[in-house]
Amino acid sequence: MILRDIKAYIREHGQVSLEDIINHFDLTLEGAEAMTERLVEQGFIQHIPQTSHCSTGQCSGCTQAHPSDRYQWIPKKLKPLKL
C-alpha cells in the first residue's frame, strides 16, 4: 500500500526529493530508497542524483542514496487508438 501512495505522491508533484518522501511518509532513508528503487525498476519514475552533496563538490559516483537526490515521474505516452 505504501508503494502505491509514494507513486501517487511523486506523480502528483512531478518531481520530489528523497527527503520529501522520507518526511511525508515518515520513513527511514533505507526504507525510502528501497521503495523508490522499486518504482524506478518498474519504469514509473527516474532517479536524478544530486552531486551537490559530495564534500568536494564533485561526485565520485557513489551508489549511496542521499536525501537531496530527486525522483521524477515518467509520464506514459498514450498509444494512438486504432480505428
Protein backbone atom coordinates (compact mmCIF):
# COMPACT_ATOMS: atom_id res chain seq x y z
CA MET A 1 0.00 0.00 0.00
CA ILE A 2 2.77 2.49 0.83
CA LEU A 3 4.41 1.88 -2.55
CA ARG A 4 1.18 2.92 -4.27
CA ASP A 5 1.00 6.01 -2.03
CA ILE A 6 4.57 7.00 -2.86
CA LYS A 7 3.89 6.51 -6.57
CA ALA A 8 0.81 8.76 -6.33
CA TYR A 9 2.76 11.37 -4.35
CA ILE A 10 5.52 11.58 -6.97
CA ARG A 11 3.01 11.63 -9.83
CA GLU A 12 1.08 14.46 -8.16
CA HIS A 13 4.19 16.58 -7.55
CA GLY A 14 6.10 15.72 -10.73
CA GLN A 15 9.49 15.74 -9.01
CA VAL A 16 10.36 15.30 -5.34
CA SER A 17 13.48 14.80 -3.25
CA LEU A 18 14.16 11.65 -1.28
CA GLU A 19 13.97 13.87 1.80
CA ASP A 20 10.42 14.90 0.82
CA ILE A 21 9.42 11.22 0.67
CA ILE A 22 11.15 10.45 3.98
CA ASN A 23 9.37 13.31 5.75
CA HIS A 24 5.96 12.89 4.13
CA PHE A 25 5.73 9.14 4.80
CA ASP A 26 7.85 9.07 8.00
CA LEU A 27 10.32 6.57 6.52
CA THR A 28 13.98 5.86 7.12
CA LEU A 29 16.49 6.67 4.38
CA GLU A 30 16.87 2.95 3.68
CA GLY A 31 13.10 2.38 3.52
CA ALA A 32 12.52 5.30 1.17
CA GLU A 33 15.41 4.18 -1.02
CA ALA A 34 14.01 0.64 -1.28
CA MET A 35 10.58 1.94 -2.27
CA THR A 36 11.83 4.38 -4.87
CA GLU A 37 14.20 1.77 -6.28
CA ARG A 38 11.22 -0.49 -6.99
CA LEU A 39 9.38 2.33 -8.74
CA VAL A 40 12.48 3.04 -10.86
CA GLU A 41 12.70 -0.65 -11.81
CA GLN A 42 9.01 -0.65 -12.76
CA GLY A 43 9.56 2.37 -15.01
CA PHE A 44 7.29 4.81 -13.17
CA ILE A 45 9.99 7.24 -12.01
CA GLN A 46 13.59 8.15 -12.76
CA HIS A 47 16.35 8.84 -10.27
CA ILE A 48 18.07 12.22 -10.54
CA PRO A 49 21.19 12.10 -8.33
CA GLN A 50 22.32 15.41 -6.86
CA THR A 51 26.06 15.99 -6.96
CA SER A 52 26.00 18.90 -4.52
CA HIS A 53 26.02 16.53 -1.53
CA CYS A 54 29.60 15.43 -2.15
CA SER A 55 32.04 17.09 0.23
CA THR A 56 34.34 18.22 -2.59
CA GLY A 57 31.51 19.35 -4.85
CA GLN A 58 32.46 16.65 -7.36
CA CYS A 59 30.58 13.40 -7.19
CA SER A 60 32.74 10.30 -7.13
CA GLY A 61 29.92 8.12 -8.42
CA CYS A 62 28.99 6.52 -5.10
CA THR A 63 25.84 4.41 -5.10
CA GLN A 64 24.56 5.54 -1.70
CA ALA A 65 21.24 7.34 -1.59
CA HIS A 66 21.27 10.90 -0.34
CA PRO A 67 18.27 12.86 0.96
CA SER A 68 18.90 15.54 -1.68
CA ASP A 69 18.53 13.02 -4.54
CA ARG A 70 15.43 13.66 -6.60
CA TYR A 71 12.89 11.43 -8.31
CA GLN A 72 10.85 12.46 -11.32
CA TRP A 73 7.61 11.00 -12.60
CA ILE A 74 7.83 9.50 -16.10
CA PRO A 75 4.60 10.20 -17.97
CA LYS A 76 3.41 7.29 -20.05
CA LYS A 77 2.91 8.01 -23.71
CA LEU A 78 -0.62 7.50 -24.86
CA LYS A 79 -0.97 4.90 -27.55
CA PRO A 80 -2.93 6.07 -30.59
CA LEU A 81 -6.32 4.49 -30.98
CA LYS A 82 -6.71 2.13 -33.88
CA LEU A 83 -9.80 2.96 -35.88
